[in-house]
Amino acid sequence: MSLIDSRTAREHPGDFFTQLFVIEREAEAWRALQSLDMEVPTAVLSRIVAKARLEHPSDFSTQLFVVKREAEAWAELSK
């Protein structure tokens, strides 16, 4: 949460409404990621997240979609 808070304050200085919106949206997205019903090793998930951030640096919703899709594909392949 502290990373989300500090990045949001840096990206939207003085715009508290936007900060609150972004923080709530990103926290909800992280909760969704944590609730995935699959076992994906932390190292694999970290690489997936890094790739999604690199490919979609300013679109957290797309990052979430990519991470979820890639994690599901990894889980399917590892069966």
Protein backbone atom coordinates (compact mmCIF):
# COMPACT_ATOMS: atom_id res chain seq x y z
CA MET A 1 0.00 0.00 0.00
CA SER A 2 2.81 2.42 0.81
CA LEU A 3 4.24 2.02 -2.70
CA ILE A 4 0.84 2.74 -4.23
CA ASP A 5 0.37 5.75 -1.92
CA SER A 6 3.77 7.29 -2.64
CA ARG A 7 3.60 6.74 -6.42
CA THR A 8 0.07 8.16 -6.59
CA ALA A 9 1.04 11.26 -4.58
CA ARG A 10 4.04 11.79 -6.88
CA GLU A 11 1.98 11.33 -10.08
CA HIS A 12 -1.01 13.43 -8.93
CA PRO A 13 0.31 16.10 -6.54
CA GLY A 14 -2.43 18.16 -4.95
CA ASP A 15 -5.22 16.22 -6.70
CA PHE A 16 -6.59 14.29 -3.74
CA PHE A 17 -9.71 13.07 -5.52
CA THR A 18 -7.61 11.41 -8.23
CA GLN A 19 -5.19 10.07 -5.64
CA LEU A 20 -8.06 8.43 -3.75
CA PHE A 21 -9.53 7.02 -6.96
CA VAL A 22 -6.20 5.56 -8.11
CA ILE A 23 -5.35 4.13 -4.69
CA GLU A 24 -8.74 2.44 -4.36
CA ARG A 25 -8.57 1.05 -7.90
CA GLU A 26 -5.05 -0.30 -7.50
CA ALA A 27 -5.75 -1.78 -4.07
CA GLU A 28 -8.81 -3.54 -5.50
CA ALA A 29 -6.73 -4.86 -8.38
CA TRP A 30 -4.08 -6.25 -6.02
CA ARG A 31 -6.78 -7.95 -3.96
CA ALA A 32 -8.10 -9.52 -7.15
CA LEU A 33 -4.63 -10.80 -7.99
CA GLN A 34 -4.17 -12.24 -4.54
CA SER A 35 -7.46 -14.08 -4.77
CA LEU A 36 -6.55 -16.02 -7.91
CA ASP A 37 -7.31 -19.67 -7.29
CA MET A 38 -4.02 -20.93 -8.63
CA GLU A 39 -0.59 -21.61 -7.29
CA VAL A 40 1.90 -19.43 -9.15
CA PRO A 41 5.38 -19.17 -7.61
CA THR A 42 6.33 -15.70 -6.45
CA ALA A 43 9.32 -15.54 -8.82
CA VAL A 44 7.12 -16.35 -11.81
CA LEU A 45 4.45 -13.87 -10.76
CA SER A 46 7.11 -11.19 -10.25
CA ARG A 47 8.39 -11.67 -13.80
CA ILE A 48 4.84 -11.53 -15.17
CA VAL A 49 4.11 -8.32 -13.24
CA ALA A 50 7.38 -6.71 -14.39
CA LYS A 51 6.60 -7.52 -18.02
CA ALA A 52 3.06 -6.11 -17.72
CA ARG A 53 4.39 -2.91 -16.14
CA LEU A 54 6.96 -2.52 -18.90
CA GLU A 55 4.44 -3.09 -21.69
CA HIS A 56 1.65 -0.95 -20.17
CA PRO A 57 3.35 1.56 -17.84
CA SER A 58 0.41 3.93 -17.37
CA ASP A 59 -2.54 1.53 -17.54
CA PHE A 60 -2.95 -0.44 -14.34
CA SER A 61 -6.20 -2.09 -15.45
CA THR A 62 -4.47 -3.53 -18.50
CA GLN A 63 -1.56 -4.60 -16.34
CA LEU A 64 -3.99 -6.51 -14.13
CA PHE A 65 -5.64 -8.14 -17.14
CA VAL A 66 -2.25 -9.20 -18.56
CA VAL A 67 -1.02 -10.55 -15.22
CA LYS A 68 -4.20 -12.54 -14.66
CA ARG A 69 -4.15 -13.95 -18.18
CA GLU A 70 -0.45 -14.87 -18.02
CA ALA A 71 -0.78 -16.40 -14.54
CA GLU A 72 -3.70 -18.53 -15.72
CA ALA A 73 -1.73 -19.63 -18.78
CA TRP A 74 1.28 -20.51 -16.63
CA ALA A 75 -0.91 -22.54 -14.28
CA GLU A 76 -2.47 -24.40 -17.20
CA LEU A 77 0.92 -25.20 -18.75
CA SER A 78 2.36 -26.39 -15.44
CA LYS A 79 -0.32 -29.04 -14.91
